[in-house]
Amino acid sequence: MRDECVTTKRHWSGVSPALQFAIDHTECIDGFVGLHAPSWKDALRWIKRTDPGGTFMRPILGQLLTWGLSFQVQKEWLKIAEPDPARRAQYIALVNEVHNNGALYCLASGVQATRRADPFEGKTIACKSALLWRDADPSHRRTAPDSFAKYLSNPAVFIEPGAGHFPEMTNSSRLLEAIRSVA
């Protein structure tokens, strides 16, 4: 079975789909690295702080707004999520480029996916695991760096000092350290 899982093990995706895959296919998982991953409960708290009026939570309206205002929403969010002005400018330029090539920001769909009970409650994956967190993303200052640990068996937690929302881009060697810790 391991040979059949090789291509899947190399697939990168959001942390919730990755966790669901790991739970459903433990035979394919040797290690798990979560990047800036809050628990379901903390993700809901983040959504309430970020979208207090619940606009993005509303089906269709949320999608229309994030579609129509995709670049503007991302740009405003990056002003909050990335404290370093030089990195923020790089991210905004990248977002502008991909937006101009047809990419859309799926914030509303992601937010709406949380409109259910925690699908991982009471579940853990038993493999080597690590969490990479950032300490300088103001939008997550109230989120515990290890809140996602409840779904993992004894993860190593790597905190990247000075990193905004994208610790893996702030210091890629820290990401490699986290990956090597589960190898």
N, C-alpha and C. Protein backbone atom coordinates (compact mmCIF):
# COMPACT_ATOMS: atom_id res chain seq x y z
N MET A 1 0.82 -1.20 0.00
CA MET A 1 0.00 0.00 0.00
C MET A 1 0.86 1.26 0.00
N ARG A 2 2.01 1.24 0.68
CA ARG A 2 2.87 2.42 0.75
C ARG A 2 3.21 2.94 -0.64
N ASP A 3 3.56 2.09 -1.57
CA ASP A 3 3.92 2.54 -2.91
C ASP A 3 2.78 3.28 -3.59
N GLU A 4 1.55 2.88 -3.33
CA GLU A 4 0.40 3.54 -3.92
C GLU A 4 0.19 4.94 -3.35
N CYS A 5 0.75 5.22 -2.18
CA CYS A 5 0.55 6.50 -1.52
C CYS A 5 1.64 7.53 -1.84
N VAL A 6 2.67 7.13 -2.53
CA VAL A 6 3.81 8.02 -2.72
C VAL A 6 3.42 9.35 -3.35
N THR A 7 2.64 9.32 -4.41
CA THR A 7 2.31 10.59 -5.06
C THR A 7 1.41 11.44 -4.17
N THR A 8 0.55 10.82 -3.43
CA THR A 8 -0.34 11.57 -2.55
C THR A 8 0.44 12.22 -1.41
N LYS A 9 1.46 11.56 -0.89
CA LYS A 9 2.23 12.09 0.22
C LYS A 9 2.94 13.39 -0.16
N ARG A 10 3.13 13.64 -1.42
CA ARG A 10 3.83 14.84 -1.84
C ARG A 10 2.89 15.98 -2.17
N HIS A 11 1.63 15.76 -2.07
CA HIS A 11 0.65 16.80 -2.39
C HIS A 11 0.53 17.78 -1.24
N TRP A 12 0.60 19.08 -1.54
CA TRP A 12 0.45 20.12 -0.53
C TRP A 12 -0.94 20.71 -0.63
N SER A 13 -1.59 20.89 0.47
CA SER A 13 -2.92 21.51 0.47
C SER A 13 -3.12 22.20 1.80
N GLY A 14 -4.28 22.83 1.95
CA GLY A 14 -4.60 23.49 3.21
C GLY A 14 -4.56 22.50 4.35
N VAL A 15 -4.39 23.02 5.54
CA VAL A 15 -4.18 22.14 6.68
C VAL A 15 -5.42 21.29 7.01
N SER A 16 -6.63 21.82 6.87
CA SER A 16 -7.81 21.00 7.18
C SER A 16 -7.98 19.84 6.20
N PRO A 17 -7.90 20.07 4.89
CA PRO A 17 -7.98 18.92 3.98
C PRO A 17 -6.82 17.94 4.19
N ALA A 18 -5.64 18.47 4.50
CA ALA A 18 -4.50 17.59 4.75
C ALA A 18 -4.74 16.72 5.99
N LEU A 19 -5.29 17.33 7.04
CA LEU A 19 -5.60 16.57 8.25
C LEU A 19 -6.67 15.52 7.96
N GLN A 20 -7.70 15.88 7.21
CA GLN A 20 -8.74 14.91 6.88
C GLN A 20 -8.16 13.74 6.10
N PHE A 21 -7.27 14.04 5.15
CA PHE A 21 -6.63 12.97 4.39
C PHE A 21 -5.82 12.07 5.34
N ALA A 22 -5.07 12.69 6.25
CA ALA A 22 -4.24 11.92 7.18
C ALA A 22 -5.09 11.02 8.07
N ILE A 23 -6.24 11.51 8.49
CA ILE A 23 -7.14 10.71 9.33
C ILE A 23 -7.72 9.55 8.53
N ASP A 24 -8.11 9.83 7.29
CA ASP A 24 -8.74 8.81 6.45
C ASP A 24 -7.75 7.80 5.86
N HIS A 25 -6.49 8.20 5.74
CA HIS A 25 -5.50 7.34 5.06
C HIS A 25 -4.21 7.26 5.87
N THR A 26 -4.32 6.82 7.10
CA THR A 26 -3.14 6.76 7.97
C THR A 26 -2.03 5.91 7.37
N GLU A 27 -2.39 4.94 6.54
CA GLU A 27 -1.38 4.08 5.93
C GLU A 27 -0.49 4.84 4.94
N CYS A 28 -0.90 6.01 4.54
CA CYS A 28 -0.13 6.82 3.59
C CYS A 28 0.70 7.91 4.26
N ILE A 29 0.60 8.04 5.56
CA ILE A 29 1.21 9.17 6.25
C ILE A 29 2.39 8.71 7.10
N ASP A 30 3.54 9.30 6.85
CA ASP A 30 4.72 9.05 7.69
C ASP A 30 4.95 10.21 8.65
N GLY A 31 4.52 11.41 8.26
CA GLY A 31 4.71 12.60 9.08
C GLY A 31 3.75 13.68 8.64
N PHE A 32 3.53 14.66 9.51
CA PHE A 32 2.56 15.72 9.24
C PHE A 32 3.15 17.05 9.71
N VAL A 33 3.13 18.05 8.82
CA VAL A 33 3.58 19.39 9.19
C VAL A 33 2.42 20.35 8.92
N GLY A 34 1.99 21.04 9.96
CA GLY A 34 0.92 22.03 9.83
C GLY A 34 1.52 23.43 9.83
N LEU A 35 1.17 24.22 8.83
CA LEU A 35 1.67 25.59 8.72
C LEU A 35 0.61 26.56 9.21
N HIS A 36 0.96 27.38 10.20
CA HIS A 36 0.06 28.37 10.79
C HIS A 36 -1.36 27.84 10.88
N ALA A 37 -1.50 26.75 11.63
CA ALA A 37 -2.76 26.03 11.71
C ALA A 37 -3.45 26.22 13.06
N PRO A 38 -4.58 26.91 13.08
CA PRO A 38 -5.34 27.00 14.32
C PRO A 38 -6.30 25.81 14.44
N SER A 39 -6.71 25.51 15.64
CA SER A 39 -7.75 24.49 15.82
C SER A 39 -9.04 25.01 15.19
N TRP A 40 -10.01 24.13 15.03
CA TRP A 40 -11.30 24.52 14.45
C TRP A 40 -11.93 25.64 15.28
N LYS A 41 -11.90 25.46 16.60
CA LYS A 41 -12.48 26.45 17.52
C LYS A 41 -11.78 27.81 17.37
N ASP A 42 -10.45 27.80 17.29
CA ASP A 42 -9.72 29.05 17.13
C ASP A 42 -9.93 29.66 15.75
N ALA A 43 -10.12 28.82 14.74
CA ALA A 43 -10.43 29.34 13.40
C ALA A 43 -11.78 30.07 13.43
N LEU A 44 -12.74 29.53 14.14
CA LEU A 44 -14.05 30.20 14.26
C LEU A 44 -13.92 31.54 14.98
N ARG A 45 -13.10 31.59 16.02
CA ARG A 45 -12.87 32.86 16.71
C ARG A 45 -12.21 33.87 15.77
N TRP A 46 -11.26 33.42 14.96
CA TRP A 46 -10.58 34.30 14.00
C TRP A 46 -11.59 34.86 12.99
N ILE A 47 -12.48 33.99 12.53
CA ILE A 47 -13.50 34.43 11.56
C ILE A 47 -14.39 35.51 12.17
N LYS A 48 -14.81 35.31 13.42
CA LYS A 48 -15.67 36.30 14.08
C LYS A 48 -14.96 37.64 14.25
N ARG A 49 -13.66 37.61 14.54
CA ARG A 49 -12.89 38.86 14.66
C ARG A 49 -12.67 39.51 13.30
N THR A 50 -12.42 38.69 12.28
CA THR A 50 -12.07 39.19 10.96
C THR A 50 -13.29 39.65 10.17
N ASP A 51 -14.40 38.98 10.37
CA ASP A 51 -15.63 39.28 9.63
C ASP A 51 -16.78 39.41 10.64
N PRO A 52 -16.74 40.45 11.50
CA PRO A 52 -17.73 40.55 12.58
C PRO A 52 -19.17 40.64 12.11
N GLY A 53 -19.40 41.17 10.93
CA GLY A 53 -20.77 41.26 10.41
C GLY A 53 -21.24 39.99 9.74
N GLY A 54 -20.35 39.04 9.55
CA GLY A 54 -20.73 37.77 8.93
C GLY A 54 -20.97 37.85 7.43
N THR A 55 -20.45 38.88 6.79
CA THR A 55 -20.69 39.07 5.36
C THR A 55 -20.14 37.91 4.54
N PHE A 56 -18.90 37.50 4.81
CA PHE A 56 -18.31 36.42 4.03
C PHE A 56 -18.93 35.07 4.34
N MET A 57 -19.58 34.97 5.49
CA MET A 57 -20.23 33.72 5.89
C MET A 57 -21.52 33.47 5.11
N ARG A 58 -22.04 34.50 4.47
CA ARG A 58 -23.31 34.37 3.76
C ARG A 58 -23.10 33.77 2.37
N PRO A 59 -23.70 32.61 2.10
CA PRO A 59 -23.54 31.97 0.79
C PRO A 59 -23.95 32.92 -0.34
N ILE A 60 -23.30 32.81 -1.41
CA ILE A 60 -23.45 33.59 -2.64
C ILE A 60 -22.99 35.03 -2.44
N LEU A 61 -23.55 35.75 -1.48
CA LEU A 61 -23.11 37.13 -1.24
C LEU A 61 -21.61 37.16 -0.92
N GLY A 62 -21.17 36.29 -0.05
CA GLY A 62 -19.75 36.22 0.30
C GLY A 62 -18.89 35.94 -0.91
N GLN A 63 -19.32 34.99 -1.76
CA GLN A 63 -18.55 34.66 -2.96
C GLN A 63 -18.54 35.84 -3.93
N LEU A 64 -19.68 36.50 -4.09
CA LEU A 64 -19.73 37.64 -5.00
C LEU A 64 -18.81 38.76 -4.53
N LEU A 65 -18.81 39.02 -3.25
CA LEU A 65 -17.94 40.07 -2.72
C LEU A 65 -16.47 39.72 -2.87
N THR A 66 -16.10 38.49 -2.52
CA THR A 66 -14.68 38.14 -2.64
C THR A 66 -14.27 37.98 -4.09
N TRP A 67 -15.20 37.70 -4.97
CA TRP A 67 -14.90 37.65 -6.40
C TRP A 67 -14.73 39.08 -6.94
N GLY A 68 -15.67 39.92 -6.63
CA GLY A 68 -15.63 41.29 -7.15
C GLY A 68 -14.54 42.14 -6.52
N LEU A 69 -14.24 41.87 -5.27
CA LEU A 69 -13.24 42.67 -4.56
C LEU A 69 -12.00 41.85 -4.22
N SER A 70 -11.77 40.78 -4.97
CA SER A 70 -10.71 39.84 -4.65
C SER A 70 -9.38 40.50 -4.33
N PHE A 71 -8.86 41.29 -5.24
CA PHE A 71 -7.55 41.90 -5.02
C PHE A 71 -7.59 42.86 -3.84
N GLN A 72 -8.64 43.66 -3.75
CA GLN A 72 -8.73 44.65 -2.66
C GLN A 72 -8.82 43.97 -1.29
N VAL A 73 -9.60 42.89 -1.20
CA VAL A 73 -9.74 42.16 0.06
C VAL A 73 -8.39 41.58 0.47
N GLN A 74 -7.69 40.96 -0.47
CA GLN A 74 -6.39 40.38 -0.16
C GLN A 74 -5.38 41.44 0.25
N LYS A 75 -5.38 42.55 -0.45
CA LYS A 75 -4.45 43.63 -0.16
C LYS A 75 -4.68 44.17 1.26
N GLU A 76 -5.95 44.40 1.62
CA GLU A 76 -6.26 44.90 2.96
C GLU A 76 -5.89 43.88 4.03
N TRP A 77 -6.15 42.60 3.74
CA TRP A 77 -5.81 41.56 4.71
C TRP A 77 -4.30 41.49 4.90
N LEU A 78 -3.53 41.60 3.81
CA LEU A 78 -2.07 41.55 3.93
C LEU A 78 -1.53 42.70 4.76
N LYS A 79 -2.22 43.83 4.77
CA LYS A 79 -1.80 44.96 5.60
C LYS A 79 -1.87 44.58 7.09
N ILE A 80 -2.79 43.69 7.41
CA ILE A 80 -2.94 43.23 8.79
C ILE A 80 -2.02 42.05 9.07
N ALA A 81 -1.97 41.09 8.15
CA ALA A 81 -1.32 39.81 8.41
C ALA A 81 0.20 39.81 8.26
N GLU A 82 0.76 40.78 7.54
CA GLU A 82 2.21 40.81 7.34
C GLU A 82 2.78 42.11 7.88
N PRO A 83 3.49 42.06 9.01
CA PRO A 83 3.99 43.28 9.63
C PRO A 83 5.18 43.92 8.92
N ASP A 84 5.95 43.13 8.18
CA ASP A 84 7.13 43.67 7.51
C ASP A 84 6.74 44.36 6.20
N PRO A 85 6.96 45.67 6.09
CA PRO A 85 6.53 46.41 4.89
C PRO A 85 7.13 45.90 3.58
N ALA A 86 8.38 45.48 3.60
CA ALA A 86 9.01 44.98 2.37
C ALA A 86 8.39 43.66 1.93
N ARG A 87 8.20 42.73 2.87
CA ARG A 87 7.55 41.45 2.52
C ARG A 87 6.12 41.70 2.09
N ARG A 88 5.42 42.59 2.81
CA ARG A 88 4.03 42.90 2.45
C ARG A 88 3.96 43.39 1.01
N ALA A 89 4.86 44.28 0.62
CA ALA A 89 4.87 44.80 -0.75
C ALA A 89 5.12 43.67 -1.75
N GLN A 90 6.00 42.73 -1.42
CA GLN A 90 6.25 41.59 -2.30
C GLN A 90 5.00 40.73 -2.44
N TYR A 91 4.32 40.47 -1.33
CA TYR A 91 3.11 39.64 -1.37
C TYR A 91 2.01 40.34 -2.17
N ILE A 92 1.87 41.64 -1.97
CA ILE A 92 0.83 42.38 -2.70
C ILE A 92 1.13 42.35 -4.19
N ALA A 93 2.40 42.50 -4.57
CA ALA A 93 2.77 42.42 -5.99
C ALA A 93 2.45 41.03 -6.55
N LEU A 94 2.74 39.99 -5.78
CA LEU A 94 2.45 38.63 -6.21
C LEU A 94 0.94 38.42 -6.35
N VAL A 95 0.19 38.87 -5.36
CA VAL A 95 -1.27 38.75 -5.41
C VAL A 95 -1.82 39.49 -6.63
N ASN A 96 -1.30 40.66 -6.90
CA ASN A 96 -1.74 41.43 -8.05
C ASN A 96 -1.47 40.66 -9.35
N GLU A 97 -0.29 40.06 -9.44
CA GLU A 97 0.06 39.30 -10.64
C GLU A 97 -0.86 38.11 -10.85
N VAL A 98 -1.07 37.32 -9.80
CA VAL A 98 -1.92 36.14 -9.97
C VAL A 98 -3.38 36.56 -10.19
N HIS A 99 -3.79 37.64 -9.54
CA HIS A 99 -5.15 38.14 -9.75
C HIS A 99 -5.34 38.56 -11.21
N ASN A 100 -4.35 39.24 -11.77
CA ASN A 100 -4.42 39.68 -13.16
C ASN A 100 -4.40 38.51 -14.14
N ASN A 101 -3.97 37.35 -13.66
CA ASN A 101 -3.97 36.15 -14.49
C ASN A 101 -5.15 35.23 -14.20
N GLY A 102 -6.16 35.76 -13.49
CA GLY A 102 -7.41 35.03 -13.32
C GLY A 102 -7.62 34.34 -11.99
N ALA A 103 -6.67 34.40 -11.08
CA ALA A 103 -6.85 33.75 -9.78
C ALA A 103 -7.84 34.52 -8.93
N LEU A 104 -8.62 33.81 -8.14
CA LEU A 104 -9.59 34.43 -7.24
C LEU A 104 -9.27 34.05 -5.80
N TYR A 105 -9.71 34.86 -4.90
CA TYR A 105 -9.51 34.65 -3.47
C TYR A 105 -10.74 33.93 -2.94
N CYS A 106 -10.56 32.75 -2.39
CA CYS A 106 -11.71 31.93 -1.99
C CYS A 106 -12.01 32.06 -0.50
N LEU A 107 -11.78 33.23 0.08
CA LEU A 107 -12.02 33.43 1.50
C LEU A 107 -13.44 33.05 1.90
N ALA A 108 -14.44 33.50 1.16
CA ALA A 108 -15.83 33.23 1.54
C ALA A 108 -16.11 31.73 1.58
N SER A 109 -15.64 31.01 0.60
CA SER A 109 -15.88 29.56 0.59
C SER A 109 -15.18 28.88 1.75
N GLY A 110 -13.97 29.32 2.05
CA GLY A 110 -13.25 28.75 3.19
C GLY A 110 -13.95 29.03 4.50
N VAL A 111 -14.41 30.26 4.66
CA VAL A 111 -15.12 30.65 5.88
C VAL A 111 -16.43 29.86 6.00
N GLN A 112 -17.15 29.72 4.91
CA GLN A 112 -18.43 29.01 4.94
C GLN A 112 -18.26 27.53 5.24
N ALA A 113 -17.09 26.97 4.93
CA ALA A 113 -16.84 25.56 5.22
C ALA A 113 -16.81 25.28 6.72
N THR A 114 -16.67 26.33 7.53
CA THR A 114 -16.63 26.14 8.98
C THR A 114 -18.01 26.17 9.62
N ARG A 115 -19.06 26.24 8.82
CA ARG A 115 -20.42 26.32 9.35
C ARG A 115 -20.94 24.97 9.80
N ARG A 116 -20.11 24.21 10.43
CA ARG A 116 -20.49 22.89 10.95
C ARG A 116 -19.65 22.61 12.18
N ALA A 117 -19.97 21.55 12.84
CA ALA A 117 -19.20 21.17 14.02
C ALA A 117 -17.79 20.76 13.61
N ASP A 118 -16.88 20.82 14.54
CA ASP A 118 -15.50 20.44 14.29
C ASP A 118 -15.45 18.99 13.80
N PRO A 119 -15.08 18.77 12.53
CA PRO A 119 -15.06 17.41 12.00
C PRO A 119 -13.92 16.56 12.56
N PHE A 120 -12.99 17.20 13.26
CA PHE A 120 -11.83 16.48 13.78
C PHE A 120 -11.92 16.25 15.28
N GLU A 121 -12.98 16.73 15.90
CA GLU A 121 -13.12 16.62 17.36
C GLU A 121 -12.95 15.17 17.80
N GLY A 122 -12.06 14.96 18.75
CA GLY A 122 -11.83 13.63 19.29
C GLY A 122 -10.93 12.75 18.43
N LYS A 123 -10.42 13.28 17.32
CA LYS A 123 -9.56 12.50 16.44
C LYS A 123 -8.14 13.02 16.51
N THR A 124 -7.19 12.10 16.45
CA THR A 124 -5.79 12.48 16.37
C THR A 124 -5.10 11.55 15.38
N ILE A 125 -4.04 12.05 14.78
CA ILE A 125 -3.23 11.18 13.94
C ILE A 125 -1.96 10.86 14.71
N ALA A 126 -1.58 9.62 14.68
CA ALA A 126 -0.41 9.15 15.42
C ALA A 126 0.75 8.97 14.46
N CYS A 127 1.50 10.02 14.28
CA CYS A 127 2.72 9.98 13.47
C CYS A 127 3.58 11.15 13.94
N LYS A 128 4.82 11.17 13.50
CA LYS A 128 5.66 12.32 13.83
C LYS A 128 4.98 13.55 13.24
N SER A 129 4.95 14.63 14.01
CA SER A 129 4.27 15.83 13.51
C SER A 129 4.95 17.08 14.04
N ALA A 130 4.72 18.16 13.31
CA ALA A 130 5.28 19.45 13.68
C ALA A 130 4.31 20.54 13.27
N LEU A 131 4.34 21.63 14.00
CA LEU A 131 3.55 22.81 13.68
C LEU A 131 4.50 24.00 13.53
N LEU A 132 4.32 24.74 12.45
CA LEU A 132 5.11 25.95 12.24
C LEU A 132 4.17 27.13 12.40
N TRP A 133 4.52 28.00 13.33
CA TRP A 133 3.67 29.14 13.69
C TRP A 133 4.44 30.43 13.52
N ARG A 134 3.74 31.53 13.46
CA ARG A 134 4.35 32.85 13.38
C ARG A 134 3.94 33.64 14.59
N ASP A 135 4.79 34.54 15.02
CA ASP A 135 4.44 35.30 16.22
C ASP A 135 4.12 36.76 15.93
N ALA A 136 4.11 37.16 14.65
CA ALA A 136 3.89 38.58 14.35
C ALA A 136 2.71 38.82 13.40
N ASP A 137 1.75 37.91 13.38
CA ASP A 137 0.53 38.12 12.59
C ASP A 137 -0.53 38.65 13.54
N PRO A 138 -0.80 39.96 13.51
CA PRO A 138 -1.77 40.53 14.45
C PRO A 138 -3.15 39.90 14.37
N SER A 139 -3.53 39.37 13.21
CA SER A 139 -4.86 38.78 13.10
C SER A 139 -4.98 37.49 13.91
N HIS A 140 -3.85 36.90 14.28
CA HIS A 140 -3.88 35.66 15.07
C HIS A 140 -3.21 35.81 16.43
N ARG A 141 -3.10 37.05 16.92
CA ARG A 141 -2.39 37.22 18.20
C ARG A 141 -3.11 36.53 19.35
N ARG A 142 -4.39 36.28 19.23
CA ARG A 142 -5.14 35.61 20.31
C ARG A 142 -5.22 34.10 20.11
N THR A 143 -4.59 33.59 19.07
CA THR A 143 -4.62 32.16 18.79
C THR A 143 -3.36 31.51 19.37
N ALA A 144 -3.54 30.47 20.16
CA ALA A 144 -2.40 29.76 20.73
C ALA A 144 -1.65 29.03 19.62
N PRO A 145 -0.33 29.14 19.58
CA PRO A 145 0.46 28.49 18.53
C PRO A 145 0.27 26.98 18.46
N ASP A 146 -0.10 26.39 19.58
CA ASP A 146 -0.25 24.93 19.61
C ASP A 146 -1.71 24.48 19.66
N SER A 147 -2.66 25.35 19.29
CA SER A 147 -4.08 24.97 19.39
C SER A 147 -4.41 23.79 18.47
N PHE A 148 -3.71 23.67 17.35
CA PHE A 148 -3.95 22.57 16.41
C PHE A 148 -3.39 21.25 16.93
N ALA A 149 -2.54 21.33 17.96
CA ALA A 149 -1.89 20.15 18.51
C ALA A 149 -2.89 19.12 19.02
N LYS A 150 -4.10 19.52 19.32
CA LYS A 150 -5.10 18.57 19.83
C LYS A 150 -5.42 17.47 18.83
N TYR A 151 -5.08 17.68 17.55
CA TYR A 151 -5.35 16.69 16.51
C TYR A 151 -4.13 15.82 16.21
N LEU A 152 -3.02 16.10 16.87
CA LEU A 152 -1.76 15.42 16.58
C LEU A 152 -1.21 14.78 17.85
N SER A 153 -0.45 13.73 17.68
CA SER A 153 0.15 13.10 18.87
C SER A 153 1.54 13.69 19.09
N ASN A 154 1.66 14.54 20.08
CA ASN A 154 2.91 15.11 20.54
C ASN A 154 3.72 15.82 19.44
N PRO A 155 3.16 16.86 18.83
CA PRO A 155 3.90 17.56 17.77
C PRO A 155 4.99 18.47 18.32
N ALA A 156 6.03 18.64 17.53
CA ALA A 156 7.03 19.66 17.82
C ALA A 156 6.44 20.98 17.33
N VAL A 157 6.60 22.05 18.08
CA VAL A 157 6.06 23.35 17.68
C VAL A 157 7.23 24.28 17.40
N PHE A 158 7.26 24.79 16.18
CA PHE A 158 8.30 25.73 15.75
C PHE A 158 7.66 27.09 15.60
N ILE A 159 8.16 28.06 16.33
CA ILE A 159 7.63 29.42 16.24
C ILE A 159 8.67 30.28 15.54
N GLU A 160 8.25 30.93 14.48
CA GLU A 160 9.15 31.78 13.71
C GLU A 160 9.01 33.22 14.19
N PRO A 161 10.00 33.72 14.92
CA PRO A 161 9.93 35.09 15.44
C PRO A 161 9.91 36.12 14.30
N GLY A 162 9.04 37.09 14.43
CA GLY A 162 8.96 38.16 13.45
C GLY A 162 8.21 37.81 12.19
N ALA A 163 7.70 36.60 12.09
CA ALA A 163 7.00 36.17 10.88
C ALA A 163 5.54 36.58 10.93
N GLY A 164 5.06 37.05 9.81
CA GLY A 164 3.64 37.35 9.66
C GLY A 164 2.90 36.07 9.35
N HIS A 165 1.85 36.16 8.57
CA HIS A 165 0.98 35.03 8.29
C HIS A 165 1.66 33.90 7.53
N PHE A 166 2.79 34.16 6.90
CA PHE A 166 3.44 33.16 6.07
C PHE A 166 4.85 32.83 6.60
N PRO A 167 4.94 32.10 7.71
CA PRO A 167 6.27 31.83 8.27
C PRO A 167 7.14 31.03 7.32
N GLU A 168 6.52 30.21 6.48
CA GLU A 168 7.29 29.40 5.54
C GLU A 168 7.96 30.25 4.47
N MET A 169 7.42 31.45 4.22
CA MET A 169 8.01 32.35 3.24
C MET A 169 8.98 33.33 3.92
N THR A 170 8.76 33.60 5.19
CA THR A 170 9.64 34.50 5.93
C THR A 170 11.00 33.86 6.11
N ASN A 171 11.00 32.57 6.44
CA ASN A 171 12.25 31.87 6.70
C ASN A 171 12.06 30.42 6.27
N SER A 172 12.37 30.12 5.02
CA SER A 172 12.14 28.77 4.50
C SER A 172 13.01 27.73 5.20
N SER A 173 14.15 28.13 5.77
CA SER A 173 14.97 27.16 6.49
C SER A 173 14.25 26.64 7.73
N ARG A 174 13.40 27.48 8.33
CA ARG A 174 12.61 27.05 9.49
C ARG A 174 11.59 25.99 9.06
N LEU A 175 11.00 26.17 7.87
CA LEU A 175 10.08 25.16 7.33
C LEU A 175 10.83 23.85 7.09
N LEU A 176 12.01 23.93 6.51
CA LEU A 176 12.80 22.71 6.29
C LEU A 176 13.13 22.02 7.61
N GLU A 177 13.41 22.81 8.64
CA GLU A 177 13.67 22.24 9.97
C GLU A 177 12.44 21.48 10.48
N ALA A 178 11.26 22.07 10.30
CA ALA A 178 10.03 21.40 10.74
C ALA A 178 9.80 20.12 9.93
N ILE A 179 10.02 20.17 8.63
CA ILE A 179 9.85 18.97 7.80
C ILE A 179 10.85 17.89 8.19
N ARG A 180 12.07 18.27 8.39
CA ARG A 180 13.10 17.28 8.78
C ARG A 180 12.79 16.66 10.14
N SER A 181 12.12 17.39 10.99
CA SER A 181 11.80 16.85 12.32
C SER A 181 10.81 15.70 12.26
N VAL A 182 10.08 15.58 11.16
CA VAL A 182 9.11 14.49 11.03
C VAL A 182 9.60 13.39 10.10
N ALA A 183 10.76 13.60 9.50
CA ALA A 183 11.28 12.62 8.54
C ALA A 183 11.89 11.43 9.24
